[in-house]
Amino acid sequence: MQYIKPENRKRQFGNIKNKTKTGGLNVICTFIEHPNVDVAPDWGQNEYLYKKQELQDYYKDWELLYSKEAILDCKSSEIPHQHAILTIIARKPLL
């Protein structure tokens, strides 16, 4: 999800939501901005963090079944660091 440019996200999430069947689920986990977590040392130029409430806002018209933020320890690139992530589960409303 971090490879979707911020200016394309509204359209991309619209496409994802439109392709989901009524009553279907979207389960999404992505990296988010967090005041206590620096950008990872191996973060690429084409990767973009999500703002804290951004993902929930794309699903404000769906039933939000689960939303949890976490901070994970990571050792990718042999440099210990952390990532802030957000996981949501949202259900497309029944008509």
PDB file of N, CA and C in Angstrom:
ATOM      1  N   MET A   1       0.805  -1.188   0.000  1.00  0.00           N
ATOM      2  CA  MET A   1       0.000   0.000   0.000  1.00  0.00           C
ATOM      3  C   MET A   1       0.860   1.268   0.000  1.00  0.00           C
ATOM      4  N   GLN A   2       2.073   1.160   0.518  1.00  0.00           N
ATOM      5  CA  GLN A   2       2.919   2.350   0.628  1.00  0.00           C
ATOM      6  C   GLN A   2       3.438   2.839  -0.720  1.00  0.00           C
ATOM      7  N   TYR A   3       3.230   2.054  -1.758  1.00  0.00           N
ATOM      8  CA  TYR A   3       3.697   2.462  -3.085  1.00  0.00           C
ATOM      9  C   TYR A   3       2.653   3.268  -3.848  1.00  0.00           C
ATOM     10  N   ILE A   4       1.451   3.390  -3.308  1.00  0.00           N
ATOM     11  CA  ILE A   4       0.431   4.225  -3.942  1.00  0.00           C
ATOM     12  C   ILE A   4       0.725   5.671  -3.578  1.00  0.00           C
ATOM     13  N   LYS A   5       0.976   6.486  -4.591  1.00  0.00           N
ATOM     14  CA  LYS A   5       1.264   7.897  -4.329  1.00  0.00           C
ATOM     15  C   LYS A   5       0.055   8.557  -3.671  1.00  0.00           C
ATOM     16  N   PRO A   6       0.295   9.468  -2.737  1.00  0.00           N
ATOM     17  CA  PRO A   6      -0.809  10.117  -2.028  1.00  0.00           C
ATOM     18  C   PRO A   6      -1.861  10.731  -2.958  1.00  0.00           C
ATOM     19  N   GLU A   7      -1.434  11.301  -4.058  1.00  0.00           N
ATOM     20  CA  GLU A   7      -2.394  11.939  -4.968  1.00  0.00           C
ATOM     21  C   GLU A   7      -3.244  10.921  -5.733  1.00  0.00           C
ATOM     22  N   ASN A   8      -2.872   9.650  -5.705  1.00  0.00           N
ATOM     23  CA  ASN A   8      -3.637   8.604  -6.397  1.00  0.00           C
ATOM     24  C   ASN A   8      -4.488   7.755  -5.454  1.00  0.00           C
ATOM     25  N   ARG A   9      -4.359   7.958  -4.179  1.00  0.00           N
ATOM     26  CA  ARG A   9      -4.999   7.059  -3.213  1.00  0.00           C
ATOM     27  C   ARG A   9      -6.525   7.095  -3.257  1.00  0.00           C
ATOM     28  N   LYS A  10      -7.108   8.261  -3.334  1.00  0.00           N
ATOM     29  CA  LYS A  10      -8.567   8.349  -3.353  1.00  0.00           C
ATOM     30  C   LYS A  10      -9.125   7.532  -4.518  1.00  0.00           C
ATOM     31  N   ARG A  11      -8.532   7.657  -5.670  1.00  0.00           N
ATOM     32  CA  ARG A  11      -8.973   6.906  -6.853  1.00  0.00           C
ATOM     33  C   ARG A  11      -8.742   5.414  -6.675  1.00  0.00           C
ATOM     34  N   GLN A  12      -7.562   5.032  -6.184  1.00  0.00           N
ATOM     35  CA  GLN A  12      -7.240   3.616  -6.015  1.00  0.00           C
ATOM     36  C   GLN A  12      -8.157   2.949  -4.994  1.00  0.00           C
ATOM     37  N   PHE A  13      -8.393   3.602  -3.876  1.00  0.00           N
ATOM     38  CA  PHE A  13      -9.295   3.015  -2.885  1.00  0.00           C
ATOM     39  C   PHE A  13     -10.723   2.984  -3.403  1.00  0.00           C
ATOM     40  N   GLY A  14     -11.101   3.969  -4.211  1.00  0.00           N
ATOM     41  CA  GLY A  14     -12.410   3.923  -4.858  1.00  0.00           C
ATOM     42  C   GLY A  14     -12.540   2.695  -5.742  1.00  0.00           C
ATOM     43  N   ASN A  15     -11.493   2.392  -6.509  1.00  0.00           N
ATOM     44  CA  ASN A  15     -11.491   1.196  -7.365  1.00  0.00           C
ATOM     45  C   ASN A  15     -11.581  -0.080  -6.543  1.00  0.00           C
ATOM     46  N   ILE A  16     -10.792  -0.158  -5.489  1.00  0.00           N
ATOM     47  CA  ILE A  16     -10.799  -1.342  -4.626  1.00  0.00           C
ATOM     48  C   ILE A  16     -12.190  -1.543  -4.027  1.00  0.00           C
ATOM     49  N   LYS A  17     -12.775  -0.462  -3.519  1.00  0.00           N
ATOM     50  CA  LYS A  17     -14.089  -0.547  -2.904  1.00  0.00           C
ATOM     51  C   LYS A  17     -15.161  -0.925  -3.923  1.00  0.00           C
ATOM     52  N   ASN A  18     -15.092  -0.368  -5.127  1.00  0.00           N
ATOM     53  CA  ASN A  18     -16.084  -0.678  -6.161  1.00  0.00           C
ATOM     54  C   ASN A  18     -16.022  -2.132  -6.597  1.00  0.00           C
ATOM     55  N   LYS A  19     -14.845  -2.740  -6.566  1.00  0.00           N
ATOM     56  CA  LYS A  19     -14.674  -4.138  -6.979  1.00  0.00           C
ATOM     57  C   LYS A  19     -15.084  -5.129  -5.887  1.00  0.00           C
ATOM     58  N   THR A  20     -15.296  -4.633  -4.678  1.00  0.00           N
ATOM     59  CA  THR A  20     -15.681  -5.491  -3.568  1.00  0.00           C
ATOM     60  C   THR A  20     -17.188  -5.743  -3.604  1.00  0.00           C
ATOM     61  N   LYS A  21     -17.573  -6.987  -3.438  1.00  0.00           N
ATOM     62  CA  LYS A  21     -18.990  -7.346  -3.426  1.00  0.00           C
ATOM     63  C   LYS A  21     -19.674  -6.786  -2.186  1.00  0.00           C
ATOM     64  N   THR A  22     -20.964  -6.549  -2.292  1.00  0.00           N
ATOM     65  CA  THR A  22     -21.762  -6.109  -1.155  1.00  0.00           C
ATOM     66  C   THR A  22     -21.583  -7.098  -0.004  1.00  0.00           C
ATOM     67  N   GLY A  23     -21.289  -6.581   1.166  1.00  0.00           N
ATOM     68  CA  GLY A  23     -21.043  -7.418   2.335  1.00  0.00           C
ATOM     69  C   GLY A  23     -19.623  -7.953   2.416  1.00  0.00           C
ATOM     70  N   GLY A  24     -18.825  -7.692   1.379  1.00  0.00           N
ATOM     71  CA  GLY A  24     -17.447  -8.164   1.340  1.00  0.00           C
ATOM     72  C   GLY A  24     -16.534  -7.356   2.250  1.00  0.00           C
ATOM     73  N   LEU A  25     -15.365  -7.904   2.494  1.00  0.00           N
ATOM     74  CA  LEU A  25     -14.393  -7.285   3.397  1.00  0.00           C
ATOM     75  C   LEU A  25     -13.180  -6.764   2.645  1.00  0.00           C
ATOM     76  N   ASN A  26     -12.634  -5.683   3.153  1.00  0.00           N
ATOM     77  CA  ASN A  26     -11.303  -5.222   2.770  1.00  0.00           C
ATOM     78  C   ASN A  26     -10.458  -5.278   4.030  1.00  0.00           C
ATOM     79  N   VAL A  27      -9.339  -5.973   3.960  1.00  0.00           N
ATOM     80  CA  VAL A  27      -8.385  -6.069   5.066  1.00  0.00           C
ATOM     81  C   VAL A  27      -7.110  -5.398   4.588  1.00  0.00           C
ATOM     82  N   ILE A  28      -6.718  -4.349   5.270  1.00  0.00           N
ATOM     83  CA  ILE A  28      -5.577  -3.557   4.816  1.00  0.00           C
ATOM     84  C   ILE A  28      -4.648  -3.281   5.986  1.00  0.00           C
ATOM     85  N   CYS A  29      -3.365  -3.453   5.726  1.00  0.00           N
ATOM     86  CA  CYS A  29      -2.333  -3.118   6.693  1.00  0.00           C
ATOM     87  C   CYS A  29      -1.315  -2.246   5.968  1.00  0.00           C
ATOM     88  N   THR A  30      -0.997  -1.122   6.546  1.00  0.00           N
ATOM     89  CA  THR A  30      -0.055  -0.213   5.887  1.00  0.00           C
ATOM     90  C   THR A  30       0.773   0.561   6.908  1.00  0.00           C
ATOM     91  N   PHE A  31       1.857   1.122   6.431  1.00  0.00           N
ATOM     92  CA  PHE A  31       2.736   1.941   7.258  1.00  0.00           C
ATOM     93  C   PHE A  31       2.131   3.330   7.424  1.00  0.00           C
ATOM     94  N   ILE A  32       2.200   3.849   8.651  1.00  0.00           N
ATOM     95  CA  ILE A  32       1.633   5.168   8.930  1.00  0.00           C
ATOM     96  C   ILE A  32       2.671   6.076   9.606  1.00  0.00           C
ATOM     97  N   GLU A  33       2.397   7.365   9.536  1.00  0.00           N
ATOM     98  CA  GLU A  33       3.214   8.332  10.258  1.00  0.00           C
ATOM     99  C   GLU A  33       2.933   8.187  11.749  1.00  0.00           C
ATOM    100  N   HIS A  34       3.974   8.362  12.540  1.00  0.00           N
ATOM    101  CA  HIS A  34       3.816   8.293  14.002  1.00  0.00           C
ATOM    102  C   HIS A  34       4.858   9.225  14.609  1.00  0.00           C
ATOM    103  N   PRO A  35       4.461  10.043  15.576  1.00  0.00           N
ATOM    104  CA  PRO A  35       5.412  11.018  16.124  1.00  0.00           C
ATOM    105  C   PRO A  35       6.611  10.397  16.835  1.00  0.00           C
ATOM    106  N   ASN A  36       6.484   9.142  17.283  1.00  0.00           N
ATOM    107  CA  ASN A  36       7.578   8.499  18.010  1.00  0.00           C
ATOM    108  C   ASN A  36       8.377   7.505  17.175  1.00  0.00           C
ATOM    109  N   VAL A  37       8.094   7.461  15.867  1.00  0.00           N
ATOM    110  CA  VAL A  37       8.771   6.493  14.993  1.00  0.00           C
ATOM    111  C   VAL A  37       9.365   7.240  13.795  1.00  0.00           C
ATOM    112  N   ASP A  38      10.669   7.137  13.644  1.00  0.00           N
ATOM    113  CA  ASP A  38      11.340   7.751  12.495  1.00  0.00           C
ATOM    114  C   ASP A  38      11.098   6.928  11.244  1.00  0.00           C
ATOM    115  N   VAL A  39      11.265   7.571  10.107  1.00  0.00           N
ATOM    116  CA  VAL A  39      11.178   6.848   8.835  1.00  0.00           C
ATOM    117  C   VAL A  39      12.300   5.809   8.817  1.00  0.00           C
ATOM    118  N   ALA A  40      11.988   4.609   8.350  1.00  0.00           N
ATOM    119  CA  ALA A  40      12.965   3.507   8.334  1.00  0.00           C
ATOM    120  C   ALA A  40      14.185   3.870   7.496  1.00  0.00           C
ATOM    121  N   PRO A  41      15.360   3.406   7.899  1.00  0.00           N
ATOM    122  CA  PRO A  41      16.583   3.749   7.174  1.00  0.00           C
ATOM    123  C   PRO A  41      16.632   3.193   5.753  1.00  0.00           C
ATOM    124  N   ASP A  42      15.849   2.150   5.480  1.00  0.00           N
ATOM    125  CA  ASP A  42      15.845   1.585   4.132  1.00  0.00           C
ATOM    126  C   ASP A  42      14.594   1.967   3.341  1.00  0.00           C
ATOM    127  N   TRP A  43      13.909   3.003   3.796  1.00  0.00           N
ATOM    128  CA  TRP A  43      12.699   3.483   3.127  1.00  0.00           C
ATOM    129  C   TRP A  43      13.071   4.053   1.768  1.00  0.00           C
ATOM    130  N   GLY A  44      12.336   3.658   0.741  1.00  0.00           N
ATOM    131  CA  GLY A  44      12.660   4.056  -0.621  1.00  0.00           C
ATOM    132  C   GLY A  44      12.000   5.356  -1.046  1.00  0.00           C
ATOM    133  N   GLN A  45      12.486   5.892  -2.152  1.00  0.00           N
ATOM    134  CA  GLN A  45      11.947   7.149  -2.697  1.00  0.00           C
ATOM    135  C   GLN A  45      10.511   6.998  -3.180  1.00  0.00           C
ATOM    136  N   ASN A  46      10.110   5.800  -3.546  1.00  0.00           N
ATOM    137  CA  ASN A  46       8.762   5.576  -4.065  1.00  0.00           C
ATOM    138  C   ASN A  46       7.842   4.958  -3.019  1.00  0.00           C
ATOM    139  N   GLU A  47       8.153   5.167  -1.746  1.00  0.00           N
ATOM    140  CA  GLU A  47       7.315   4.677  -0.661  1.00  0.00           C
ATOM    141  C   GLU A  47       6.778   5.889   0.104  1.00  0.00           C
ATOM    142  N   TYR A  48       5.507   5.802   0.497  1.00  0.00           N
ATOM    143  CA  TYR A  48       4.840   6.935   1.122  1.00  0.00           C
ATOM    144  C   TYR A  48       4.056   6.473   2.339  1.00  0.00           C
ATOM    145  N   LEU A  49       4.307   7.107   3.470  1.00  0.00           N
ATOM    146  CA  LEU A  49       3.551   6.803   4.683  1.00  0.00           C
ATOM    147  C   LEU A  49       2.140   7.381   4.580  1.00  0.00           C
ATOM    148  N   TYR A  50       1.213   6.753   5.280  1.00  0.00           N
ATOM    149  CA  TYR A  50      -0.145   7.267   5.376  1.00  0.00           C
ATOM    150  C   TYR A  50      -0.262   8.126   6.627  1.00  0.00           C
ATOM    151  N   LYS A  51      -1.108   9.128   6.572  1.00  0.00           N
ATOM    152  CA  LYS A  51      -1.378   9.933   7.753  1.00  0.00           C
ATOM    153  C   LYS A  51      -2.206   9.090   8.736  1.00  0.00           C
ATOM    154  N   LYS A  52      -2.238   9.483   9.970  1.00  0.00           N
ATOM    155  CA  LYS A  52      -2.812   8.674  11.043  1.00  0.00           C
ATOM    156  C   LYS A  52      -4.257   8.221  10.782  1.00  0.00           C
ATOM    157  N   GLN A  53      -5.139   9.072  10.328  1.00  0.00           N
ATOM    158  CA  GLN A  53      -6.546   8.713  10.111  1.00  0.00           C
ATOM    159  C   GLN A  53      -6.897   8.547   8.626  1.00  0.00           C
ATOM    160  N   GLU A  54      -5.916   8.624   7.775  1.00  0.00           N
ATOM    161  CA  GLU A  54      -6.184   8.610   6.337  1.00  0.00           C
ATOM    162  C   GLU A  54      -6.899   7.346   5.875  1.00  0.00           C
ATOM    163  N   LEU A  55      -6.429   6.202   6.286  1.00  0.00           N
ATOM    164  CA  LEU A  55      -7.019   4.942   5.831  1.00  0.00           C
ATOM    165  C   LEU A  55      -8.476   4.820   6.303  1.00  0.00           C
ATOM    166  N   GLN A  56      -8.741   5.159   7.552  1.00  0.00           N
ATOM    167  CA  GLN A  56     -10.110   5.098   8.052  1.00  0.00           C
ATOM    168  C   GLN A  56     -11.023   6.040   7.270  1.00  0.00           C
ATOM    169  N   ASP A  57     -10.487   7.190   6.863  1.00  0.00           N
ATOM    170  CA  ASP A  57     -11.295   8.151   6.102  1.00  0.00           C
ATOM    171  C   ASP A  57     -11.739   7.585   4.755  1.00  0.00           C
ATOM    172  N   TYR A  58     -10.908   6.772   4.112  1.00  0.00           N
ATOM    173  CA  TYR A  58     -11.304   6.164   2.842  1.00  0.00           C
ATOM    174  C   TYR A  58     -12.471   5.195   3.036  1.00  0.00           C
ATOM    175  N   TYR A  59     -12.648   4.703   4.253  1.00  0.00           N
ATOM    176  CA  TYR A  59     -13.682   3.708   4.550  1.00  0.00           C
ATOM    177  C   TYR A  59     -14.762   4.250   5.479  1.00  0.00           C
ATOM    178  N   LYS A  60     -14.923   5.552   5.537  1.00  0.00           N
ATOM    179  CA  LYS A  60     -15.903   6.126   6.458  1.00  0.00           C
ATOM    180  C   LYS A  60     -17.343   5.763   6.094  1.00  0.00           C
ATOM    181  N   ASP A  61     -17.585   5.351   4.860  1.00  0.00           N
ATOM    182  CA  ASP A  61     -18.924   4.950   4.440  1.00  0.00           C
ATOM    183  C   ASP A  61     -19.133   3.440   4.548  1.00  0.00           C
ATOM    184  N   TRP A  62     -18.184   2.719   5.102  1.00  0.00           N
ATOM    185  CA  TRP A  62     -18.266   1.268   5.329  1.00  0.00           C
ATOM    186  C   TRP A  62     -18.304   1.012   6.831  1.00  0.00           C
ATOM    187  N   GLU A  63     -18.661  -0.211   7.195  1.00  0.00           N
ATOM    188  CA  GLU A  63     -18.628  -0.620   8.590  1.00  0.00           C
ATOM    189  C   GLU A  63     -17.190  -0.980   8.964  1.00  0.00           C
ATOM    190  N   LEU A  64     -16.625  -0.254   9.892  1.00  0.00           N
ATOM    191  CA  LEU A  64     -15.258  -0.522  10.330  1.00  0.00           C
ATOM    192  C   LEU A  64     -15.308  -1.568  11.439  1.00  0.00           C
ATOM    193  N   LEU A  65     -14.892  -2.790  11.123  1.00  0.00           N
ATOM    194  CA  LEU A  65     -14.960  -3.909  12.061  1.00  0.00           C
ATOM    195  C   LEU A  65     -13.758  -3.968  12.987  1.00  0.00           C
ATOM    196  N   TYR A  66     -12.629  -3.455  12.518  1.00  0.00           N
ATOM    197  CA  TYR A  66     -11.386  -3.583  13.284  1.00  0.00           C
ATOM    198  C   TYR A  66     -10.454  -2.471  12.846  1.00  0.00           C
ATOM    199  N   SER A  67      -9.787  -1.876  13.804  1.00  0.00           N
ATOM    200  CA  SER A  67      -8.779  -0.858  13.529  1.00  0.00           C
ATOM    201  C   SER A  67      -7.764  -0.905  14.657  1.00  0.00           C
ATOM    202  N   LYS A  68      -6.522  -1.193  14.321  1.00  0.00           N
ATOM    203  CA  LYS A  68      -5.496  -1.280  15.357  1.00  0.00           C
ATOM    204  C   LYS A  68      -4.172  -0.739  14.828  1.00  0.00           C
ATOM    205  N   GLU A  69      -3.576   0.100  15.621  1.00  0.00           N
ATOM    206  CA  GLU A  69      -2.255   0.657  15.325  1.00  0.00           C
ATOM    207  C   GLU A  69      -1.230  -0.099  16.163  1.00  0.00           C
ATOM    208  N   ALA A  70      -0.059  -0.306  15.595  1.00  0.00           N
ATOM    209  CA  ALA A  70       1.008  -0.995  16.323  1.00  0.00           C
ATOM    210  C   ALA A  70       2.355  -0.433  15.905  1.00  0.00           C
ATOM    211  N   ILE A  71       3.326  -0.598  16.774  1.00  0.00           N
ATOM    212  CA  ILE A  71       4.711  -0.259  16.463  1.00  0.00           C
ATOM    213  C   ILE A  71       5.500  -1.559  16.485  1.00  0.00           C
ATOM    214  N   LEU A  72       6.158  -1.836  15.381  1.00  0.00           N
ATOM    215  CA  LEU A  72       6.892  -3.088  15.222  1.00  0.00           C
ATOM    216  C   LEU A  72       8.392  -2.842  15.191  1.00  0.00           C
ATOM    217  N   ASP A  73       9.138  -3.729  15.810  1.00  0.00           N
ATOM    218  CA  ASP A  73      10.587  -3.699  15.695  1.00  0.00           C
ATOM    219  C   ASP A  73      10.983  -4.422  14.421  1.00  0.00           C
ATOM    220  N   CYS A  74      12.002  -3.909  13.748  1.00  0.00           N
ATOM    221  CA  CYS A  74      12.430  -4.473  12.464  1.00  0.00           C
ATOM    222  C   CYS A  74      13.955  -4.425  12.376  1.00  0.00           C
ATOM    223  N   LYS A  75      14.530  -5.380  11.661  1.00  0.00           N
ATOM    224  CA  LYS A  75      15.981  -5.404  11.453  1.00  0.00           C
ATOM    225  C   LYS A  75      16.332  -5.510   9.978  1.00  0.00           C
ATOM    226  N   SER A  76      15.399  -5.099   9.104  1.00  0.00           N
ATOM    227  CA  SER A  76      15.725  -5.117   7.677  1.00  0.00           C
ATOM    228  C   SER A  76      16.906  -4.185   7.440  1.00  0.00           C
ATOM    229  N   SER A  77      17.649  -4.454   6.455  1.00  0.00           N
ATOM    230  CA  SER A  77      18.871  -3.714   6.105  1.00  0.00           C
ATOM    231  C   SER A  77      19.905  -3.751   7.225  1.00  0.00           C
ATOM    232  N   GLU A  78      19.776  -4.726   8.120  1.00  0.00           N
ATOM    233  CA  GLU A  78      20.735  -4.933   9.218  1.00  0.00           C
ATOM    234  C   GLU A  78      20.811  -3.763  10.187  1.00  0.00           C
ATOM    235  N   ILE A  79      19.877  -2.828  10.094  1.00  0.00           N
ATOM    236  CA  ILE A  79      19.849  -1.682  11.002  1.00  0.00           C
ATOM    237  C   ILE A  79      18.555  -1.764  11.814  1.00  0.00           C
ATOM    238  N   PRO A  80      18.640  -1.989  13.117  1.00  0.00           N
ATOM    239  CA  PRO A  80      17.419  -2.061  13.923  1.00  0.00           C
ATOM    240  C   PRO A  80      16.649  -0.733  13.870  1.00  0.00           C
ATOM    241  N   HIS A  81      15.349  -0.849  13.667  1.00  0.00           N
ATOM    242  CA  HIS A  81      14.490   0.330  13.619  1.00  0.00           C
ATOM    243  C   HIS A  81      13.059  -0.117  13.888  1.00  0.00           C
ATOM    244  N   GLN A  82      12.134   0.824  13.803  1.00  0.00           N
ATOM    245  CA  GLN A  82      10.729   0.510  14.043  1.00  0.00           C
ATOM    246  C   GLN A  82       9.872   1.006  12.894  1.00  0.00           C
ATOM    247  N   HIS A  83       8.680   0.402  12.799  1.00  0.00           N
ATOM    248  CA  HIS A  83       7.655   0.843  11.854  1.00  0.00           C
ATOM    249  C   HIS A  83       6.364   1.022  12.636  1.00  0.00           C
ATOM    250  N   ALA A  84       5.630   2.059  12.305  1.00  0.00           N
ATOM    251  CA  ALA A  84       4.263   2.202  12.805  1.00  0.00           C
ATOM    252  C   ALA A  84       3.349   1.689  11.704  1.00  0.00           C
ATOM    253  N   ILE A  85       2.418   0.820  12.077  1.00  0.00           N
ATOM    254  CA  ILE A  85       1.490   0.266  11.093  1.00  0.00           C
ATOM    255  C   ILE A  85       0.058   0.426  11.582  1.00  0.00           C
ATOM    256  N   LEU A  86      -0.850   0.386  10.642  1.00  0.00           N
ATOM    257  CA  LEU A  86      -2.266   0.387  10.946  1.00  0.00           C
ATOM    258  C   LEU A  86      -2.912  -0.730  10.154  1.00  0.00           C
ATOM    259  N   THR A  87      -3.728  -1.524  10.833  1.00  0.00           N
ATOM    260  CA  THR A  87      -4.492  -2.582  10.190  1.00  0.00           C
ATOM    261  C   THR A  87      -5.971  -2.275  10.373  1.00  0.00           C
ATOM    262  N   ILE A  88      -6.727  -2.360   9.277  1.00  0.00           N
ATOM    263  CA  ILE A  88      -8.174  -2.205   9.383  1.00  0.00           C
ATOM    264  C   ILE A  88      -8.868  -3.366   8.669  1.00  0.00           C
ATOM    265  N   ILE A  89     -10.061  -3.652   9.128  1.00  0.00           N
ATOM    266  CA  ILE A  89     -10.966  -4.554   8.430  1.00  0.00           C
ATOM    267  C   ILE A  89     -12.276  -3.791   8.289  1.00  0.00           C
ATOM    268  N   ALA A  90     -12.722  -3.642   7.050  1.00  0.00           N
ATOM    269  CA  ALA A  90     -13.948  -2.891   6.782  1.00  0.00           C
ATOM    270  C   ALA A  90     -14.867  -3.737   5.907  1.00  0.00           C
ATOM    271  N   ARG A  91     -16.180  -3.632   6.190  1.00  0.00           N
ATOM    272  CA  ARG A  91     -17.177  -4.393   5.429  1.00  0.00           C
ATOM    273  C   ARG A  91     -18.018  -3.439   4.581  1.00  0.00           C
ATOM    274  N   LYS A  92     -18.162  -3.791   3.303  1.00  0.00           N
ATOM    275  CA  LYS A  92     -19.000  -3.007   2.402  1.00  0.00           C
ATOM    276  C   LYS A  92     -20.453  -3.178   2.841  1.00  0.00           C
ATOM    277  N   PRO A  93     -21.168  -2.065   2.999  1.00  0.00           N
ATOM    278  CA  PRO A  93     -22.536  -2.163   3.505  1.00  0.00           C
ATOM    279  C   PRO A  93     -23.467  -2.944   2.584  1.00  0.00           C
ATOM    280  N   LEU A  94     -24.455  -3.569   3.208  1.00  0.00           N
ATOM    281  CA  LEU A  94     -25.507  -4.233   2.451  1.00  0.00           C
ATOM    282  C   LEU A  94     -26.423  -3.143   1.895  1.00  0.00           C
ATOM    283  N   LEU A  95     -26.924  -3.362   0.715  1.00  0.00           N
ATOM    284  CA  LEU A  95     -27.775  -2.331   0.096  1.00  0.00           C
ATOM    285  C   LEU A  95     -29.085  -2.233   0.728  1.00  0.00           C
TER     286      LEU A  95
END
